[in-house]
Protein backbone atom coordinates (compact mmCIF):
# COMPACT_ATOMS: atom_id res chain seq x y z
CA MET A 1 98.89 89.81 89.77
CA THR A 2 96.36 86.99 89.90
CA ALA A 3 93.56 86.61 91.88
CA THR A 4 93.80 84.09 94.95
CA LYS A 5 91.13 81.48 95.08
CA ASN A 6 91.03 80.47 99.08
CA LEU A 7 88.85 83.14 100.24
CA LYS A 8 85.23 81.62 101.30
CA PRO A 9 82.13 82.66 102.48
CA ILE A 10 82.10 83.51 106.46
CA ASP A 11 80.66 80.35 107.30
CA SER A 12 83.21 77.95 105.99
CA SER A 13 81.09 75.05 106.53
CA GLY A 14 78.57 75.55 104.25
CA ASP A 15 75.99 73.58 106.47
CA ARG A 16 73.61 76.36 107.47
CA PRO A 17 73.79 80.24 107.40
CA VAL A 18 75.77 81.85 110.43
CA GLY A 19 73.08 83.42 112.30
CA SER A 20 71.14 79.96 112.93
CA ARG A 21 74.23 78.53 114.72
CA SER A 22 75.09 78.86 118.19
CA VAL A 23 78.28 80.59 119.42
CA ARG A 24 79.51 77.47 120.78
CA ASP A 25 79.40 75.96 117.64
CA ARG A 26 81.22 78.97 115.26
CA LEU A 27 83.74 78.67 117.81
CA ALA A 28 84.18 75.11 117.11
CA ALA A 29 83.81 75.57 113.53
CA GLY A 30 86.39 78.08 113.93
CA LYS A 31 89.18 76.00 115.83
CA ALA A 32 88.75 73.39 113.27
CA LEU A 33 90.35 75.54 110.85
CA ARG A 34 93.65 75.13 112.36
CA GLN A 35 93.57 71.42 110.55
CA THR A 36 93.20 73.33 107.45
CA VAL A 37 95.91 76.26 108.07
CA LYS A 38 97.92 76.24 111.09
CA ARG A 39 98.24 79.43 113.56
CA SER A 40 101.96 78.67 113.28
CA ASP A 41 101.84 78.96 108.98
CA HIS A 42 101.20 82.78 109.28
CA ALA A 43 105.05 83.14 110.79
CA ALA A 44 106.15 82.18 107.00
CA TYR A 45 107.16 85.24 104.72
CA GLN A 46 109.09 83.91 101.60
CA PRO A 47 108.90 86.75 98.60
CA PRO A 48 107.12 85.38 95.90
CA THR A 49 109.48 84.07 93.12
CA ASN A 50 107.96 86.30 90.37
CA ARG A 51 108.22 88.85 92.43
CA GLU A 52 107.02 92.27 90.57
CA ASP A 53 109.59 95.39 90.83
CA PRO A 54 108.15 97.23 93.87
CA ILE A 55 109.22 100.65 92.47
CA ALA A 56 107.08 99.20 89.02
CA ILE A 57 104.19 99.10 91.51
CA LEU A 58 104.12 102.90 92.22
CA GLU A 59 105.10 103.95 88.77
CA ALA A 60 101.88 101.86 87.35
CA GLN A 61 100.22 103.63 90.22
CA ALA A 62 101.58 106.96 89.21
CA THR A 63 100.28 106.79 85.92
CA THR A 64 96.53 107.31 87.15
CA ARG A 65 97.28 109.93 89.18
CA VAL A 66 97.97 113.95 88.83
CA ALA A 67 101.64 113.61 87.19
CA ASP A 68 103.26 117.16 88.96
CA LEU A 69 102.12 115.96 92.71
CA VAL A 70 103.91 112.34 92.16
CA PRO A 71 106.92 113.92 92.77
CA ILE A 72 105.60 114.53 96.07
CA ARG A 73 104.59 111.08 97.04
CA TYR A 74 108.05 109.88 96.64
CA ALA A 75 109.29 112.28 98.81
CA ARG A 76 107.38 111.73 101.53
CA MET A 77 108.03 107.97 101.36
CA LEU A 78 111.56 108.58 101.00
CA THR A 79 111.83 110.28 104.73
CA SER A 80 111.87 106.78 106.54
CA PRO A 81 111.01 103.49 105.76
CA PHE A 82 108.13 103.87 108.25
CA ALA A 83 106.66 106.24 105.31
CA PHE A 84 107.41 103.71 102.43
CA LEU A 85 105.04 101.22 104.27
CA ARG A 86 102.40 103.21 104.54
CA GLY A 87 102.38 104.34 100.97
CA SER A 88 103.02 101.03 99.39
CA ALA A 89 99.98 99.03 100.22
CA ALA A 90 100.30 97.92 96.71
CA ILE A 91 103.16 96.37 97.06
CA MET A 92 102.02 94.73 100.53
CA ILE A 93 99.40 92.81 99.13
CA GLN A 94 101.16 91.27 96.44
CA ASP A 95 103.89 89.57 98.96
CA ILE A 96 101.13 88.55 101.18
CA ALA A 97 98.41 87.39 98.99
CA PRO A 98 99.60 84.00 97.85
CA ALA A 99 99.94 82.86 101.81
CA PRO A 100 97.46 80.32 103.09
CA THR A 101 94.44 82.00 104.81
CA THR A 102 91.47 80.38 106.86
CA GLY A 103 89.10 81.63 103.96
CA LEU A 104 87.21 83.75 106.75
CA THR A 105 86.42 87.42 105.13
CA VAL A 106 85.53 90.59 106.50
CA GLN A 107 85.36 94.21 105.31
CA ALA A 108 89.17 94.88 105.11
CA CYS A 109 90.74 98.25 105.41
CA GLY A 110 92.97 97.54 102.87
CA ASP A 111 95.74 99.87 104.06
CA MET A 112 96.25 98.38 107.79
CA HIS A 113 99.17 100.44 110.08
CA VAL A 114 99.64 102.35 113.10
CA SER A 115 99.02 105.72 111.82
CA ASN A 116 95.97 105.01 110.27
CA PHE A 117 93.77 105.43 113.16
CA GLY A 118 92.36 108.20 115.24
CA VAL A 119 89.74 110.00 117.30
CA PHE A 120 86.65 111.89 115.70
CA ALA A 121 83.37 112.95 117.07
CA SER A 122 80.55 110.40 116.63
CA ALA A 123 77.11 112.38 115.80
CA GLU A 124 76.11 112.70 119.17
CA ARG A 125 79.55 114.93 119.24
CA ASN A 126 81.45 111.92 121.73
CA LEU A 127 84.94 111.26 120.94
CA VAL A 128 85.70 107.60 119.59
CA PHE A 129 88.86 105.91 118.69
CA ALA A 130 88.77 104.13 115.38
CA ILE A 131 90.52 103.21 111.86
CA ASN A 132 90.92 106.66 110.27
CA ASP A 133 91.11 105.83 106.25
CA PHE A 134 89.22 103.19 103.97
CA ASP A 135 90.47 104.22 100.52
CA GLU A 136 91.74 100.50 100.30
CA THR A 137 88.62 98.83 101.74
CA TYR A 138 87.51 95.58 100.08
CA VAL A 139 86.20 92.25 101.35
CA GLY A 140 88.85 89.90 101.96
CA ALA A 141 90.92 87.81 103.91
CA TRP A 142 91.00 89.18 107.82
CA GLU A 143 95.10 88.32 107.83
CA TRP A 144 95.78 90.69 105.26
CA ASP A 145 94.60 93.43 107.71
CA LEU A 146 96.52 91.84 110.67
CA LYS A 147 99.90 91.23 109.00
CA ARG A 148 100.19 94.89 107.75
CA LEU A 149 99.36 96.15 111.33
CA VAL A 150 101.99 93.84 113.09
CA ALA A 151 104.58 94.71 110.27
CA SER A 152 104.04 98.48 110.94
CA ALA A 153 104.29 98.39 114.28
CA VAL A 154 107.84 96.51 113.97
CA VAL A 155 108.96 99.48 111.55
CA ALA A 156 107.50 101.92 113.24
CA GLY A 157 109.17 100.88 116.32
CA GLN A 158 112.47 100.76 114.27
CA PHE A 159 111.68 104.18 113.33
CA LEU A 160 111.29 105.58 116.50
CA GLY A 161 114.32 104.57 117.61
CA GLY A 162 113.25 101.25 119.57
CA ASP A 163 115.18 97.97 120.05
CA ARG A 164 114.05 94.72 119.19
CA VAL A 165 112.42 93.71 122.93
CA LEU A 166 109.93 97.08 122.26
CA CYS A 167 109.67 96.12 118.57
CA GLU A 168 108.36 92.84 119.60
CA SER A 169 106.37 93.80 122.66
CA ALA A 170 104.74 96.49 119.86
CA ALA A 171 103.66 93.65 117.63
CA ARG A 172 102.54 91.61 120.43
CA SER A 173 100.20 94.04 121.87
CA VAL A 174 98.51 94.39 118.55
CA VAL A 175 97.32 90.33 118.22
CA GLN A 176 96.94 90.09 122.04
CA PHE A 177 94.46 93.15 121.71
CA TYR A 178 93.25 92.02 118.63
CA ARG A 179 92.66 88.14 120.28
CA GLU A 180 91.08 89.38 123.52
CA HIS A 181 88.25 91.85 122.12
CA LEU A 182 87.37 89.39 119.60
CA HIS A 183 86.44 86.80 122.24
CA GLN A 184 84.69 89.30 123.75
CA TYR A 185 82.43 90.43 120.59
CA ALA A 186 81.68 86.51 120.04
CA ASP A 187 79.61 86.93 123.21
CA LEU A 188 77.96 89.89 121.80
CA GLY A 189 74.29 90.16 119.71
CA TYR A 190 74.77 91.51 116.26
CA LEU A 191 72.74 94.95 117.50
CA ASP A 192 75.15 95.44 120.32
CA LEU A 193 78.20 94.81 118.44
CA TRP A 194 77.28 97.35 115.48
CA TYR A 195 76.57 100.29 118.19
CA ASP A 196 79.39 99.24 119.86
CA ASN A 197 82.70 101.51 119.73
CA ILE A 198 85.74 102.30 121.72
CA THR A 199 84.72 105.59 123.88
CA GLU A 200 86.87 108.12 125.41
CA ALA A 201 86.41 105.99 129.04
CA ASP A 202 86.83 102.83 127.34
CA LEU A 203 90.49 104.45 125.87
CA LEU A 204 91.85 105.99 129.03
CA GLN A 205 90.70 103.15 131.05
CA ALA A 206 93.32 100.56 128.72
CA LEU A 207 95.98 102.93 129.05
CA PRO A 208 98.28 103.12 132.01
CA ALA A 209 99.11 106.26 133.51
CA PRO A 210 101.94 107.68 131.41
CA SER A 211 99.98 107.05 128.25
CA LYS A 212 96.63 107.92 129.55
CA GLU A 213 97.93 110.96 130.30
CA LYS A 214 99.42 111.72 126.29
CA ALA A 215 96.01 110.46 125.51
CA THR A 216 94.33 113.11 127.64
CA GLN A 217 96.02 115.66 125.50
CA LEU A 218 95.46 114.02 122.25
CA LEU A 219 91.46 114.06 123.14
CA THR A 220 91.47 117.87 124.65
CA LYS A 221 93.38 119.06 121.26
CA ALA A 222 90.80 116.69 119.59
CA ARG A 223 87.77 118.52 120.91
CA GLN A 224 89.04 121.94 119.81
CA ARG A 225 89.72 121.13 115.79
CA THR A 226 85.98 122.54 115.21
CA HIS A 227 85.52 124.06 111.76
CA LEU A 228 85.97 127.29 113.36
CA GLN A 229 89.54 126.09 114.06
CA VAL A 230 89.94 125.71 110.51
CA LEU A 231 88.33 128.87 109.64
CA GLU A 232 90.92 130.55 111.44
CA LYS A 233 93.84 128.57 110.23
CA THR A 234 92.86 127.68 106.97
CA THR A 235 91.71 131.33 105.26
CA ASP A 236 92.64 134.91 105.11
CA LEU A 237 90.20 138.02 104.47
CA ILE A 238 90.70 139.29 101.10
CA ASP A 239 88.84 142.20 99.79
CA ASN A 240 86.09 141.32 102.24
CA GLN A 241 85.88 137.87 101.62
CA GLN A 242 87.48 134.94 103.10
CA HIS A 243 89.83 132.71 100.89
CA ILE A 244 91.43 129.37 101.50
CA VAL A 245 95.56 130.53 102.22
CA GLU A 246 97.60 128.98 99.65
CA SER A 247 100.85 126.83 100.47
CA PRO A 248 101.88 125.41 97.35
CA PRO A 249 102.37 123.52 96.41
CA LEU A 250 100.36 121.47 98.90
CA VAL A 251 97.64 123.98 98.90
CA VAL A 252 96.62 125.71 95.38
CA ARG A 253 93.59 127.82 95.11
CA ILE A 254 91.67 126.67 92.76
CA GLU A 255 91.80 129.70 90.64
CA THR A 256 95.80 129.40 90.64
CA ILE A 257 95.18 125.92 89.03
CA ARG A 258 92.79 127.09 86.60
CA ARG A 259 92.79 130.82 85.70
CA GLY A 260 89.37 132.10 83.73
CA GLU A 261 87.33 128.89 84.32
CA GLN A 262 84.04 128.77 86.46
CA ILE A 263 85.77 126.06 88.82
CA ILE A 264 83.09 127.03 91.54
CA GLU A 265 80.26 126.02 89.43
CA THR A 266 82.02 122.71 88.11
CA ILE A 267 82.11 121.49 91.58
CA GLU A 268 78.85 122.59 92.95
CA GLN A 269 77.53 120.66 89.90
CA LEU A 270 79.86 117.72 91.79
CA ILE A 271 78.31 118.64 95.06
CA GLN A 272 74.68 118.05 93.72
CA ASP A 273 75.26 114.65 92.35
CA TYR A 274 77.06 113.87 96.02
CA LEU A 275 73.75 115.12 97.51
CA ALA A 276 72.02 112.27 96.24
CA SER A 277 74.08 110.25 98.48
CA LEU A 278 72.81 111.60 101.86
CA SER A 279 69.65 110.50 103.12
CA SER A 280 66.79 113.23 103.04
CA ASP A 281 67.69 115.25 106.45
CA ARG A 282 71.41 115.77 105.86
CA ARG A 283 70.59 116.45 101.89
CA PHE A 284 68.91 119.64 103.56
CA LEU A 285 71.21 120.68 105.80
CA VAL A 286 74.32 120.92 103.59
CA SER A 287 71.80 122.51 100.98
CA ARG A 288 71.67 125.49 103.00
CA TYR A 289 75.13 125.89 102.74
CA ARG A 290 76.93 127.98 99.99
CA ILE A 291 80.37 127.14 98.88
CA LEU A 292 82.97 130.20 98.93
CA ASP A 293 86.62 128.89 97.80
CA VAL A 294 87.80 125.65 96.57
CA ALA A 295 91.64 124.36 96.72
CA ARG A 296 93.48 121.14 95.98
CA LYS A 297 95.15 120.12 99.12
CA VAL A 298 97.74 117.18 99.16
CA VAL A 299 96.79 114.74 101.62
CA GLY A 300 98.95 112.04 102.74
CA VAL A 301 101.22 109.52 101.73
CA GLY A 302 100.06 106.69 99.64
CA SER A 303 96.91 109.01 98.31
CA VAL A 304 99.18 111.69 96.83
CA GLY A 305 98.62 112.41 93.59
CA THR A 306 94.80 111.33 93.66
CA ARG A 307 92.79 114.70 92.69
CA CYS A 308 91.89 116.05 96.20
CA TRP A 309 90.16 119.54 97.02
CA ILE A 310 89.11 121.43 100.21
CA VAL A 311 85.61 123.24 99.82
CA TYR A 312 85.05 125.88 102.05
CA LEU A 313 81.06 126.86 102.81
CA GLU A 314 79.15 129.26 104.78
CA GLY A 315 75.62 129.26 105.83
CA VAL A 316 74.28 131.89 108.54
CA ASP A 317 77.20 133.98 108.64
CA ALA A 318 80.83 133.83 108.55
CA SER A 319 80.79 132.26 112.11
CA ASP A 320 79.26 128.81 110.85
CA PRO A 321 82.07 127.94 108.13
CA LEU A 322 81.55 124.13 106.79
CA PHE A 323 84.63 122.54 105.42
CA LEU A 324 84.32 119.28 103.29
CA GLN A 325 86.96 117.39 101.46
CA ILE A 326 86.66 115.61 98.11
CA LYS A 327 88.58 112.96 97.62
CA GLU A 328 89.23 110.66 94.30
CA ALA A 329 88.66 107.15 95.01
CA GLN A 330 90.58 104.81 93.08
CA PRO A 331 90.16 100.91 92.57
CA SER A 332 91.05 99.10 95.72
CA VAL A 333 94.41 97.70 95.99
CA LEU A 334 92.57 94.51 97.43
CA ALA A 335 90.54 93.86 94.15
CA PRO A 336 92.87 91.88 92.21
CA TYR A 337 93.58 89.50 95.04
CA THR A 338 89.41 89.02 96.25
CA GLU A 339 86.79 87.49 95.27
CA THR A 340 83.34 88.93 97.03
CA LEU A 341 82.01 86.28 98.55
CA CYS A 342 80.64 87.78 101.61
CA SER A 343 76.36 87.95 102.03
CA TYR A 344 76.32 91.30 101.24
CA THR A 345 77.36 93.33 98.12
CA LEU A 346 80.16 96.08 97.55
CA PRO A 347 79.23 98.43 94.88
CA ASP A 348 82.19 98.16 92.73
CA ASN A 349 81.05 100.36 90.03
CA HIS A 350 81.70 103.13 92.09
CA GLN A 351 84.99 103.69 93.82
CA GLY A 352 83.69 106.59 96.10
CA HIS A 353 80.10 104.14 97.16
CA ARG A 354 82.57 101.56 97.88
CA VAL A 355 84.52 103.72 100.08
CA VAL A 356 81.59 104.97 101.89
CA THR A 357 79.97 101.64 102.23
CA GLY A 358 82.70 99.97 104.05
CA GLN A 359 83.69 102.82 106.19
CA ARG A 360 79.87 102.33 107.59
CA LEU A 361 80.43 98.87 107.39
CA ILE A 362 83.46 99.20 109.76
CA GLN A 363 84.04 102.50 111.46
CA GLY A 364 80.80 102.40 114.10
CA ALA A 365 80.23 105.99 114.24
CA PRO A 366 81.07 107.62 110.69
CA ASP A 367 80.69 111.32 109.60
CA ILE A 368 77.47 112.68 109.01
CA PHE A 369 78.64 114.41 106.06
CA LEU A 370 79.92 111.45 104.37
CA GLY A 371 78.86 110.29 100.92
CA TRP A 372 79.48 110.00 96.90
CA GLY A 373 79.99 111.61 93.72
CA GLU A 374 81.22 111.75 90.43
CA LEU A 375 82.47 114.19 88.04
CA ASP A 376 83.67 113.93 84.67
CA GLY A 377 84.19 110.15 85.19
CA VAL A 378 86.24 110.58 88.24
CA HIS A 379 84.75 108.85 91.36
CA TYR A 380 84.87 110.62 94.61
CA TYR A 381 83.65 110.23 98.25
CA ILE A 382 83.25 113.57 100.39
CA ARG A 383 83.39 113.64 104.34
CA GLN A 384 84.22 116.94 106.54
CA LEU A 385 87.84 118.21 106.31
CA ARG A 386 88.12 118.20 110.28
CA ASP A 387 85.35 117.78 112.86
CA MET A 388 86.97 117.08 116.11
CA LYS A 389 89.12 114.38 114.61
CA GLY A 390 92.93 113.89 116.10
CA GLY A 391 95.69 111.45 115.71
CA VAL A 392 98.93 110.36 117.05
CA LYS A 393 102.25 111.52 115.33
CA LEU A 394 104.53 108.42 115.45
CA GLU A 395 107.73 110.79 114.92
CA PRO A 396 110.74 110.89 116.95
CA GLY A 397 110.79 113.35 119.56
CA LYS A 398 107.04 114.17 119.40
CA PHE A 399 106.05 110.44 120.71
CA ARG A 400 107.61 108.55 123.61
CA VAL A 401 108.99 105.30 122.31
CA ALA A 402 108.25 103.39 125.43
CA SER A 403 104.52 103.74 125.02
CA LEU A 404 104.64 102.05 121.44
CA PRO A 405 103.42 98.78 122.65
CA ASP A 406 100.13 100.18 124.64
CA TYR A 407 99.28 102.39 121.47
CA CYS A 408 99.49 99.46 119.32
CA GLY A 409 97.35 97.44 121.50
CA ILE A 410 94.50 99.97 121.19
CA CYS A 411 94.99 99.72 117.48
CA GLY A 412 94.87 95.89 117.66
CA TRP A 413 91.70 96.14 119.62
CA ALA A 414 89.95 98.71 116.86
CA LEU A 415 90.80 96.14 114.24
CA ALA A 416 89.17 93.35 116.18
CA LEU A 417 86.10 95.37 116.45
CA ALA A 418 86.17 96.26 112.58
CA HIS A 419 86.20 93.06 111.89
CA ALA A 420 83.74 91.64 114.03
CA LYS A 421 81.25 94.43 112.71
CA SER A 422 81.36 92.62 109.22
CA GLY A 423 82.73 89.28 110.18
CA ASP A 424 82.16 86.61 112.69
CA ALA A 425 84.15 87.34 115.89
CA ALA A 426 82.89 83.67 117.11
CA ILE A 427 84.50 82.10 113.92
CA LEU A 428 87.96 84.11 114.27
CA ALA A 429 88.01 83.79 118.06
CA GLY A 430 87.70 79.83 117.64
CA TYR A 431 90.28 79.83 115.30
CA ILE A 432 92.48 82.34 116.93
CA GLY A 433 92.08 80.44 120.06
CA GLU A 434 93.03 82.10 123.54
CA ASN A 435 97.18 81.43 124.01
CA ASP A 436 99.56 83.44 122.25
CA ALA A 437 100.01 80.68 119.32
CA LEU A 438 98.83 83.72 116.23
CA ASP A 439 101.23 86.41 118.63
CA ASP A 440 104.02 83.90 118.03
CA ALA A 441 103.65 83.59 114.63
CA LEU A 442 103.01 87.00 113.71
CA VAL A 443 106.18 88.75 115.74
CA LYS A 444 108.21 86.40 113.57
CA PHE A 445 105.95 87.58 110.27
CA ALA A 446 106.10 91.07 111.18
CA PHE A 447 110.55 91.31 111.21
CA ALA A 448 110.67 89.16 108.22
CA TYR A 449 108.25 91.63 106.27
CA ALA A 450 110.33 94.87 107.99
CA GLU A 451 113.20 93.89 106.53
CA GLN A 452 111.39 93.13 103.26
CA THR A 453 110.36 97.04 103.76
CA GLU A 454 114.16 98.33 104.20
CA GLN A 455 115.07 96.61 101.01
CA ASP A 456 112.17 98.56 99.37
CA TYR A 457 112.86 101.56 100.70
CA ASP A 458 116.38 101.58 99.29
CA ARG A 459 115.53 100.35 96.29
CA LEU A 460 113.44 103.31 95.90
CA ALA A 461 116.15 105.44 96.99
CA ALA A 462 118.23 103.95 94.48
CA SER A 463 116.05 104.90 92.10
CA ALA A 464 115.60 108.28 93.23
CA LYS A 465 119.48 108.93 92.91
CA GLN A 466 119.74 106.69 89.52
CA GLY A 467 117.19 109.56 88.07
CA ARG A 468 114.50 106.73 87.62
CA ILE A 469 112.07 108.62 89.73
CA GLN A 470 111.59 112.09 90.09
CA VAL A 471 111.56 113.65 94.02
CA ALA A 472 110.34 116.97 95.13
CA SER A 473 112.13 119.36 97.32
CA GLU A 474 109.00 120.76 98.67
CA PHE A 475 106.28 118.42 100.45
């Protein structure tokens, strides 16, 4: 892996700080970048001649993960090429990092795909739509996030049974919404932009009738996903004490894993370190709860094998539960390919702090309990397990494939907002322009990379058949 050398500070002119330049000047500066990297250049996808074996990349990641969980990761990735794409951010970045970029950087998500979005509650208890997961967030090229998102739109469309016309429409919707909203954000003041988010009303207004009905159902369900609902679904009364219900190998209580050890006391040490990362008011709030139970929980696709715990805490009484998720944070897959050249410093010496900083920069209304901690040299970030959170299940039979372009457009909008918050919307908008030149280019890229994904998926399947990797039967 080699670091990319063409990333530059967000104001590539170098004349004056971004804040001292007018919107018109910044739009012009962005447009001028087309002389360096044409928008049509983004259509090309050519695997590097020395492309690293994609299975070897996954195997290298496995060496830093819990060994008995790695077969579950492979099993989940083998359910479809779309699942493979979701778990292969490290593979995709090696493929796209060598391509030309404009040099404009943002706080990139790093693992952008159409299943990495959802609704959640803001601190004011309002539902908003935004990016969900930030394990790979890092300073990087805006093109990386957008390319991964459009490729995922095509791969998801194919997985859902859509034809080429529908898959192209889904990819175009991503870029169209991204482009149009960047132009809107270009005119916003920095404070207005900081406070902006995609509200429930925004979401419903943007969707046509069939998709609006499904979105309303999603929002209603999200409101019901409270800590009390987690208590009902996740715990059971044993010896007059609520305990987390086990579902091996996906949910295993810590006492089952390490019998006879004082594990809760160990988790309490981590929680104490975590409390130091919170503001004083939230530190006080968390400190009023006591830990009742802890379990290991397998989550996601790409994250499987990293250490992840759910912690059940109780406040005033059993009707006042709090469920926290403690998730290991390893170095971002983007890190080998980028240099930190933005005006802010990312805390790269603590991976949990990196994740939290990135989420706060680009999500808009992050979890009030979001923080980080360290235990035995392992970095973690901590958040609520579930609090009015909900997402779209992109699975055949559960998702109306005709609605995919509508959904993908909203995803493109959310990505535009994330990039505008941490980058310069005016320079980005100036480069992208108002016509569909970039749309055309990225549609071509998306189909080319979808083909690459199919090939890599087949290689993983062959590796399983040959016994190179072990695949779990339960996942």
